[in-house]
Amino acid sequence: MENNFRVILAKQRKTVADVHEATGLSKYTLTNFFYERTKNPELLTMLKISDYLGVGLDELIGIEKAR
């Protein structure tokens, strides 16, 4: 699944390890999400990531809001 996880981490100068430590999500899960290998990530996983990074779910997964 395409997402902006890698871009957001780079902008915030954070690593997968930072997210792992803060959220308790496995490094394996986070690495797969980082490299866009996950086809259907769990909603709870994405919510934990977006909450930690302080971004909306729409920004994390790259959905632009309709105006």
C-alpha atoms as a PDB file:
ATOM      1  CA  MET A   1       0.000   0.000   0.000  1.00  0.00           C
ATOM      2  CA  GLU A   2       1.407   3.362  -0.960  1.00  0.00           C
ATOM      3  CA  ASN A   3       1.846   5.788   1.920  1.00  0.00           C
ATOM      4  CA  ASN A   4       3.806   8.831   3.088  1.00  0.00           C
ATOM      5  CA  PHE A   5       5.391   7.170   6.126  1.00  0.00           C
ATOM      6  CA  ARG A   6       8.935   7.411   4.758  1.00  0.00           C
ATOM      7  CA  VAL A   7       8.500  11.077   3.788  1.00  0.00           C
ATOM      8  CA  ILE A   8       6.983  12.071   7.129  1.00  0.00           C
ATOM      9  CA  LEU A   9       9.748  10.290   9.060  1.00  0.00           C
ATOM     10  CA  ALA A  10      12.390  12.101   7.011  1.00  0.00           C
ATOM     11  CA  LYS A  11      10.748  15.503   7.538  1.00  0.00           C
ATOM     12  CA  GLN A  12      10.535  14.910  11.290  1.00  0.00           C
ATOM     13  CA  ARG A  13      14.014  13.344  11.434  1.00  0.00           C
ATOM     14  CA  LYS A  14      12.687  10.218  13.089  1.00  0.00           C
ATOM     15  CA  THR A  15      13.402   6.563  12.474  1.00  0.00           C
ATOM     16  CA  VAL A  16      11.432   3.343  12.420  1.00  0.00           C
ATOM     17  CA  ALA A  17      13.107   2.540  15.752  1.00  0.00           C
ATOM     18  CA  ASP A  18      11.706   5.777  17.238  1.00  0.00           C
ATOM     19  CA  VAL A  19       8.196   4.809  16.181  1.00  0.00           C
ATOM     20  CA  HIS A  20       8.703   1.268  17.501  1.00  0.00           C
ATOM     21  CA  GLU A  21       9.808   2.513  20.916  1.00  0.00           C
ATOM     22  CA  ALA A  22       6.974   5.036  21.219  1.00  0.00           C
ATOM     23  CA  THR A  23       4.120   2.880  19.935  1.00  0.00           C
ATOM     24  CA  GLY A  24       5.136  -0.678  20.775  1.00  0.00           C
ATOM     25  CA  LEU A  25       4.491  -1.755  17.182  1.00  0.00           C
ATOM     26  CA  SER A  26       6.907  -4.357  15.896  1.00  0.00           C
ATOM     27  CA  LYS A  27       9.889  -3.257  13.838  1.00  0.00           C
ATOM     28  CA  TYR A  28       8.906  -5.872  11.265  1.00  0.00           C
ATOM     29  CA  THR A  29       5.457  -4.305  10.823  1.00  0.00           C
ATOM     30  CA  LEU A  30       6.872  -0.786  10.688  1.00  0.00           C
ATOM     31  CA  THR A  31       9.612  -1.737   8.220  1.00  0.00           C
ATOM     32  CA  ASN A  32       7.080  -3.374   5.906  1.00  0.00           C
ATOM     33  CA  PHE A  33       4.910  -0.256   6.103  1.00  0.00           C
ATOM     34  CA  PHE A  34       7.982   1.937   5.477  1.00  0.00           C
ATOM     35  CA  TYR A  35       8.881   0.030   2.300  1.00  0.00           C
ATOM     36  CA  GLU A  36       5.216  -0.162   1.223  1.00  0.00           C
ATOM     37  CA  ARG A  37       5.180  -3.970   1.360  1.00  0.00           C
ATOM     38  CA  THR A  38       1.973  -4.094   3.394  1.00  0.00           C
ATOM     39  CA  LYS A  39      -1.113  -4.527   1.238  1.00  0.00           C
ATOM     40  CA  ASN A  40      -3.784  -4.097   3.925  1.00  0.00           C
ATOM     41  CA  PRO A  41      -2.372  -2.636   7.134  1.00  0.00           C
ATOM     42  CA  GLU A  42      -4.495  -2.773  10.255  1.00  0.00           C
ATOM     43  CA  LEU A  43      -6.389   0.439  10.969  1.00  0.00           C
ATOM     44  CA  LEU A  44      -5.198   0.433  14.591  1.00  0.00           C
ATOM     45  CA  THR A  45      -1.582   0.228  13.382  1.00  0.00           C
ATOM     46  CA  MET A  46      -2.017   3.211  11.081  1.00  0.00           C
ATOM     47  CA  LEU A  47      -3.798   5.181  13.813  1.00  0.00           C
ATOM     48  CA  LYS A  48      -0.938   4.557  16.269  1.00  0.00           C
ATOM     49  CA  ILE A  49       1.603   5.695  13.685  1.00  0.00           C
ATOM     50  CA  SER A  50      -0.337   8.814  12.693  1.00  0.00           C
ATOM     51  CA  ASP A  51      -0.993   9.719  16.334  1.00  0.00           C
ATOM     52  CA  TYR A  52       2.692   9.418  17.249  1.00  0.00           C
ATOM     53  CA  LEU A  53       3.773  11.465  14.231  1.00  0.00           C
ATOM     54  CA  GLY A  54       1.081  14.081  14.808  1.00  0.00           C
ATOM     55  CA  VAL A  55      -0.413  13.774  11.339  1.00  0.00           C
ATOM     56  CA  GLY A  56      -3.850  12.847  10.116  1.00  0.00           C
ATOM     57  CA  LEU A  57      -4.549   9.410   8.761  1.00  0.00           C
ATOM     58  CA  ASP A  58      -5.285  10.990   5.384  1.00  0.00           C
ATOM     59  CA  GLU A  59      -1.800  12.540   5.305  1.00  0.00           C
ATOM     60  CA  LEU A  60      -0.149   9.273   6.340  1.00  0.00           C
ATOM     61  CA  ILE A  61      -1.742   7.287   3.564  1.00  0.00           C
ATOM     62  CA  GLY A  62      -1.635  10.096   1.012  1.00  0.00           C
ATOM     63  CA  ILE A  63      -5.297  10.888   0.501  1.00  0.00           C
ATOM     64  CA  GLU A  64      -5.997  14.490  -0.400  1.00  0.00           C
ATOM     65  CA  LYS A  65      -9.151  15.983   0.999  1.00  0.00           C
ATOM     66  CA  ALA A  66     -11.782  16.990  -1.518  1.00  0.00           C
ATOM     67  CA  ARG A  67     -12.557  20.686  -1.527  1.00  0.00           C
END
